[in-house]
PDB file of N, CA and C in Angstrom:
ATOM      1  N   MET A   1      11.916  26.439  30.433  1.00  0.00           N
ATOM      2  CA  MET A   1      12.279  25.195  30.905  1.00  0.00           C
ATOM      3  C   MET A   1      12.880  24.327  29.853  1.00  0.00           C
ATOM      4  N   LYS A   2      14.137  24.467  29.551  1.00  0.00           N
ATOM      5  CA  LYS A   2      14.821  23.566  28.642  1.00  0.00           C
ATOM      6  C   LYS A   2      15.453  22.412  29.324  1.00  0.00           C
ATOM      7  N   THR A   3      15.547  21.347  28.579  1.00  0.00           N
ATOM      8  CA  THR A   3      16.248  20.191  29.166  1.00  0.00           C
ATOM      9  C   THR A   3      17.000  19.640  27.995  1.00  0.00           C
ATOM     10  N   LYS A   4      18.138  19.086  28.354  1.00  0.00           N
ATOM     11  CA  LYS A   4      19.014  18.515  27.361  1.00  0.00           C
ATOM     12  C   LYS A   4      18.540  17.033  27.048  1.00  0.00           C
ATOM     13  N   LYS A   5      18.172  16.831  25.843  1.00  0.00           N
ATOM     14  CA  LYS A   5      17.728  15.449  25.414  1.00  0.00           C
ATOM     15  C   LYS A   5      18.713  14.815  24.549  1.00  0.00           C
ATOM     16  N   ASP A   6      18.794  13.434  24.796  1.00  0.00           N
ATOM     17  CA  ASP A   6      19.635  12.705  23.831  1.00  0.00           C
ATOM     18  C   ASP A   6      18.841  12.303  22.577  1.00  0.00           C
ATOM     19  N   PHE A   7      17.497  12.219  22.795  1.00  0.00           N
ATOM     20  CA  PHE A   7      16.679  11.835  21.724  1.00  0.00           C
ATOM     21  C   PHE A   7      15.416  12.710  21.651  1.00  0.00           C
ATOM     22  N   ASP A   8      15.203  13.409  20.602  1.00  0.00           N
ATOM     23  CA  ASP A   8      14.048  14.327  20.468  1.00  0.00           C
ATOM     24  C   ASP A   8      13.168  13.727  19.453  1.00  0.00           C
ATOM     25  N   SER A   9      12.053  13.060  19.974  1.00  0.00           N
ATOM     26  CA  SER A   9      11.153  12.462  19.171  1.00  0.00           C
ATOM     27  C   SER A   9      10.320  13.385  18.254  1.00  0.00           C
ATOM     28  N   VAL A  10       9.945  14.582  18.829  1.00  0.00           N
ATOM     29  CA  VAL A  10       9.194  15.556  18.051  1.00  0.00           C
ATOM     30  C   VAL A  10      10.061  15.969  16.828  1.00  0.00           C
ATOM     31  N   LYS A  11      11.216  16.258  16.992  1.00  0.00           N
ATOM     32  CA  LYS A  11      12.138  16.650  15.903  1.00  0.00           C
ATOM     33  C   LYS A  11      12.178  15.548  14.892  1.00  0.00           C
ATOM     34  N   MET A  12      12.298  14.277  15.406  1.00  0.00           N
ATOM     35  CA  MET A  12      12.494  13.144  14.468  1.00  0.00           C
ATOM     36  C   MET A  12      11.215  13.005  13.636  1.00  0.00           C
ATOM     37  N   MET A  13      10.043  13.167  14.282  1.00  0.00           N
ATOM     38  CA  MET A  13       8.804  12.990  13.501  1.00  0.00           C
ATOM     39  C   MET A  13       8.613  14.133  12.471  1.00  0.00           C
ATOM     40  N   ARG A  14       9.016  15.304  12.966  1.00  0.00           N
ATOM     41  CA  ARG A  14       8.895  16.508  11.971  1.00  0.00           C
ATOM     42  C   ARG A  14       9.774  16.295  10.765  1.00  0.00           C
ATOM     43  N   ASP A  15      10.977  15.783  10.984  1.00  0.00           N
ATOM     44  CA  ASP A  15      11.916  15.551   9.866  1.00  0.00           C
ATOM     45  C   ASP A  15      11.388  14.452   8.925  1.00  0.00           C
ATOM     46  N   ILE A  16      10.787  13.436   9.496  1.00  0.00           N
ATOM     47  CA  ILE A  16      10.143  12.336   8.593  1.00  0.00           C
ATOM     48  C   ILE A  16       9.003  12.918   7.887  1.00  0.00           C
ATOM     49  N   ARG A  17       8.216  13.737   8.502  1.00  0.00           N
ATOM     50  CA  ARG A  17       7.072  14.303   7.815  1.00  0.00           C
ATOM     51  C   ARG A  17       7.504  15.222   6.636  1.00  0.00           C
ATOM     52  N   ASN A  18       8.535  16.059   6.929  1.00  0.00           N
ATOM     53  CA  ASN A  18       8.990  16.895   5.881  1.00  0.00           C
ATOM     54  C   ASN A  18       9.657  16.141   4.710  1.00  0.00           C
ATOM     55  N   LYS A  19      10.321  15.031   5.054  1.00  0.00           N
ATOM     56  CA  LYS A  19      10.954  14.242   4.024  1.00  0.00           C
ATOM     57  C   LYS A  19       9.932  13.580   3.120  1.00  0.00           C
ATOM     58  N   HIS A  20       8.862  13.063   3.738  1.00  0.00           N
ATOM     59  CA  HIS A  20       7.746  12.460   2.981  1.00  0.00           C
ATOM     60  C   HIS A  20       7.045  13.486   2.152  1.00  0.00           C
ATOM     61  N   ARG A  21       6.834  14.638   2.669  1.00  0.00           N
ATOM     62  CA  ARG A  21       6.105  15.743   1.904  1.00  0.00           C
ATOM     63  C   ARG A  21       6.903  16.188   0.622  1.00  0.00           C
ATOM     64  N   GLU A  22       8.236  16.197   0.816  1.00  0.00           N
ATOM     65  CA  GLU A  22       9.080  16.542  -0.345  1.00  0.00           C
ATOM     66  C   GLU A  22       9.102  15.431  -1.385  1.00  0.00           C
ATOM     67  N   GLU A  23       9.039  14.146  -1.003  1.00  0.00           N
ATOM     68  CA  GLU A  23       9.035  13.041  -1.842  1.00  0.00           C
ATOM     69  C   GLU A  23       7.691  13.019  -2.626  1.00  0.00           C
ATOM     70  N   TYR A  24       6.595  13.264  -1.898  1.00  0.00           N
ATOM     71  CA  TYR A  24       5.292  13.276  -2.536  1.00  0.00           C
ATOM     72  C   TYR A  24       5.005  14.464  -3.373  1.00  0.00           C
ATOM     73  N   GLU A  25       5.627  15.574  -3.175  1.00  0.00           N
ATOM     74  CA  GLU A  25       5.562  16.672  -4.094  1.00  0.00           C
ATOM     75  C   GLU A  25       6.224  16.374  -5.403  1.00  0.00           C
ATOM     76  N   LYS A  26       7.239  15.663  -5.380  1.00  0.00           N
ATOM     77  CA  LYS A  26       7.968  15.302  -6.588  1.00  0.00           C
ATOM     78  C   LYS A  26       7.226  14.179  -7.389  1.00  0.00           C
ATOM     79  N   ASN A  27       6.661  13.243  -6.645  1.00  0.00           N
ATOM     80  CA  ASN A  27       5.952  12.103  -7.247  1.00  0.00           C
ATOM     81  C   ASN A  27       4.684  11.797  -6.480  1.00  0.00           C
ATOM     82  N   PRO A  28       3.550  12.417  -6.937  1.00  0.00           N
ATOM     83  CA  PRO A  28       2.270  12.287  -6.129  1.00  0.00           C
ATOM     84  C   PRO A  28       1.757  10.763  -6.194  1.00  0.00           C
ATOM     85  N   GLU A  29       2.105  10.095  -7.244  1.00  0.00           N
ATOM     86  CA  GLU A  29       1.587   8.670  -7.356  1.00  0.00           C
ATOM     87  C   GLU A  29       2.295   7.812  -6.274  1.00  0.00           C
ATOM     88  N   LEU A  30       3.442   8.200  -5.764  1.00  0.00           N
ATOM     89  CA  LEU A  30       4.168   7.356  -4.797  1.00  0.00           C
ATOM     90  C   LEU A  30       3.331   7.288  -3.510  1.00  0.00           C
ATOM     91  N   ARG A  31       2.570   8.317  -3.090  1.00  0.00           N
ATOM     92  CA  ARG A  31       1.853   8.280  -1.881  1.00  0.00           C
ATOM     93  C   ARG A  31       0.680   7.316  -2.065  1.00  0.00           C
ATOM     94  N   GLU A  32       0.023   7.315  -3.167  1.00  0.00           N
ATOM     95  CA  GLU A  32      -1.081   6.361  -3.448  1.00  0.00           C
ATOM     96  C   GLU A  32      -0.612   4.965  -3.519  1.00  0.00           C
ATOM     97  N   LYS A  33       0.544   4.826  -4.102  1.00  0.00           N
ATOM     98  CA  LYS A  33       1.242   3.426  -4.190  1.00  0.00           C
ATOM     99  C   LYS A  33       1.556   2.942  -2.836  1.00  0.00           C
ATOM    100  N   ARG A  34       2.104   3.658  -1.927  1.00  0.00           N
ATOM    101  CA  ARG A  34       2.439   3.196  -0.579  1.00  0.00           C
ATOM    102  C   ARG A  34       1.227   3.025   0.253  1.00  0.00           C
ATOM    103  N   LEU A  35       0.217   3.907   0.120  1.00  0.00           N
ATOM    104  CA  LEU A  35      -1.096   3.649   0.898  1.00  0.00           C
ATOM    105  C   LEU A  35      -1.777   2.326   0.458  1.00  0.00           C
ATOM    106  N   ALA A  36      -1.687   1.992  -0.822  1.00  0.00           N
ATOM    107  CA  ALA A  36      -2.290   0.725  -1.354  1.00  0.00           C
ATOM    108  C   ALA A  36      -1.500  -0.442  -0.857  1.00  0.00           C
ATOM    109  N   GLU A  37      -0.199  -0.360  -0.717  1.00  0.00           N
ATOM    110  CA  GLU A  37       0.506  -1.374  -0.109  1.00  0.00           C
ATOM    111  C   GLU A  37       0.227  -1.667   1.340  1.00  0.00           C
ATOM    112  N   ILE A  38       0.116  -0.574   2.091  1.00  0.00           N
ATOM    113  CA  ILE A  38      -0.308  -0.631   3.512  1.00  0.00           C
ATOM    114  C   ILE A  38      -1.653  -1.243   3.625  1.00  0.00           C
ATOM    115  N   ARG A  39      -2.614  -0.819   2.837  1.00  0.00           N
ATOM    116  CA  ARG A  39      -3.938  -1.328   2.922  1.00  0.00           C
ATOM    117  C   ARG A  39      -3.928  -2.893   2.621  1.00  0.00           C
ATOM    118  N   LYS A  40      -3.129  -3.281   1.759  1.00  0.00           N
ATOM    119  CA  LYS A  40      -3.080  -4.695   1.308  1.00  0.00           C
ATOM    120  C   LYS A  40      -2.456  -5.493   2.466  1.00  0.00           C
ATOM    121  N   ARG A  41      -1.431  -5.015   3.061  1.00  0.00           N
ATOM    122  CA  ARG A  41      -0.628  -5.659   4.146  1.00  0.00           C
ATOM    123  C   ARG A  41      -1.522  -5.822   5.360  1.00  0.00           C
ATOM    124  N   TYR A  42      -2.315  -4.812   5.741  1.00  0.00           N
ATOM    125  CA  TYR A  42      -3.063  -4.692   6.917  1.00  0.00           C
ATOM    126  C   TYR A  42      -4.615  -5.001   6.746  1.00  0.00           C
ATOM    127  N   SER A  43      -4.951  -5.423   5.592  1.00  0.00           N
ATOM    128  CA  SER A  43      -6.358  -5.481   5.352  1.00  0.00           C
ATOM    129  C   SER A  43      -6.997  -6.438   6.323  1.00  0.00           C
ATOM    130  N   SER A  44      -6.491  -7.569   6.734  1.00  0.00           N
ATOM    131  CA  SER A  44      -7.208  -8.442   7.572  1.00  0.00           C
ATOM    132  C   SER A  44      -7.346  -7.828   9.075  1.00  0.00           C
ATOM    133  N   ARG A  45      -6.293  -7.034   9.438  1.00  0.00           N
ATOM    134  CA  ARG A  45      -6.469  -6.370  10.733  1.00  0.00           C
ATOM    135  C   ARG A  45      -7.508  -5.286  10.710  1.00  0.00           C
ATOM    136  N   ILE A  46      -7.621  -4.604   9.581  1.00  0.00           N
ATOM    137  CA  ILE A  46      -8.571  -3.471   9.450  1.00  0.00           C
ATOM    138  C   ILE A  46     -10.047  -4.116   9.484  1.00  0.00           C
ATOM    139  N   LYS A  47     -10.206  -5.236   8.726  1.00  0.00           N
ATOM    140  CA  LYS A  47     -11.523  -5.825   8.742  1.00  0.00           C
ATOM    141  C   LYS A  47     -11.909  -6.346  10.112  1.00  0.00           C
ATOM    142  N   ASN A  48     -10.932  -6.916  10.936  1.00  0.00           N
ATOM    143  CA  ASN A  48     -11.277  -7.440  12.213  1.00  0.00           C
ATOM    144  C   ASN A  48     -11.599  -6.364  13.157  1.00  0.00           C
ATOM    145  N   ASN A  49     -10.876  -5.128  13.041  1.00  0.00           N
ATOM    146  CA  ASN A  49     -11.216  -4.015  13.867  1.00  0.00           C
ATOM    147  C   ASN A  49     -12.557  -3.490  13.567  1.00  0.00           C
ATOM    148  N   GLU A  50     -13.037  -3.494  12.375  1.00  0.00           N
ATOM    149  CA  GLU A  50     -14.366  -2.982  12.034  1.00  0.00           C
ATOM    150  C   GLU A  50     -15.471  -3.928  12.643  1.00  0.00           C
ATOM    151  N   ILE A  51     -15.164  -5.229  12.516  1.00  0.00           N
ATOM    152  CA  ILE A  51     -16.139  -6.185  13.142  1.00  0.00           C
ATOM    153  C   ILE A  51     -16.225  -6.037  14.698  1.00  0.00           C
ATOM    154  N   THR A  52     -15.043  -5.783  15.309  1.00  0.00           N
ATOM    155  CA  THR A  52     -14.977  -5.746  16.819  1.00  0.00           C
ATOM    156  C   THR A  52     -15.732  -4.400  17.277  1.00  0.00           C
ATOM    157  N   LYS A  53     -15.611  -3.297  16.573  1.00  0.00           N
ATOM    158  CA  LYS A  53     -16.151  -2.089  16.865  1.00  0.00           C
ATOM    159  C   LYS A  53     -17.735  -2.144  16.936  1.00  0.00           C
ATOM    160  N   CYS A  54     -18.359  -2.900  16.146  1.00  0.00           N
ATOM    161  CA  CYS A  54     -19.797  -2.900  16.034  1.00  0.00           C
ATOM    162  C   CYS A  54     -20.448  -3.491  17.174  1.00  0.00           C
TER     163      CYS A  54
END
Protein backbone atom coordinates (compact mmCIF):
# COMPACT_ATOMS: atom_id res chain seq x y z
CA MET A 1 0.00 0.00 0.00
CA LYS A 2 2.22 2.82 -1.24
CA THR A 3 1.04 6.37 -1.48
CA LYS A 4 2.71 9.35 -3.05
CA LYS A 5 3.53 11.87 -0.35
CA ASP A 6 4.61 15.46 -0.83
CA PHE A 7 6.02 15.51 2.68
CA ASP A 8 7.48 12.47 4.45
CA SER A 9 7.82 13.28 8.13
CA VAL A 10 9.40 9.93 9.04
CA LYS A 11 12.17 10.43 6.50
CA MET A 12 12.71 13.99 7.69
CA MET A 13 13.06 12.91 11.34
CA ARG A 14 15.40 10.08 10.35
CA ASP A 15 17.59 12.53 8.43
CA ILE A 16 17.69 14.94 11.38
CA ARG A 17 18.55 12.12 13.79
CA ASN A 18 21.37 10.89 11.53
CA LYS A 19 22.73 14.42 11.10
CA HIS A 20 22.83 14.96 14.87
CA ARG A 21 24.43 11.56 15.45
CA GLU A 22 27.23 12.43 13.03
CA GLU A 23 27.76 15.84 14.65
CA TYR A 24 27.90 14.33 18.14
CA GLU A 25 30.32 11.61 17.06
CA LYS A 26 32.72 14.30 15.86
CA ASN A 27 32.22 16.51 18.93
CA PRO A 28 30.67 14.74 21.99
CA GLU A 29 30.81 17.92 24.09
CA LEU A 30 28.40 19.59 21.66
CA ARG A 31 25.56 17.33 22.83
CA GLU A 32 26.07 18.23 26.47
CA LYS A 33 26.33 21.92 25.59
CA ARG A 34 23.06 21.86 23.65
CA LEU A 35 21.27 19.93 26.41
CA ALA A 36 22.47 22.44 29.00
CA GLU A 37 21.14 25.31 26.87
CA ILE A 38 17.77 23.57 26.54
CA ARG A 39 17.59 22.94 30.29
CA LYS A 40 18.40 26.59 30.97
CA ARG A 41 15.82 27.85 28.46
CA TYR A 42 13.00 25.62 29.70
CA SER A 43 13.89 25.32 33.40
CA SER A 44 10.80 27.21 34.55
CA ARG A 45 8.50 25.01 32.48
CA ILE A 46 10.17 21.87 33.76
CA LYS A 47 9.80 23.00 37.39
CA ASN A 48 6.13 23.91 36.86
CA ASN A 49 5.45 20.52 35.27
CA GLU A 50 7.00 18.68 38.23
CA ILE A 51 4.83 20.64 40.67
CA THR A 52 1.68 19.98 38.63
CA LYS A 53 2.28 16.21 38.47
CA CYS A 54 2.40 15.76 42.26
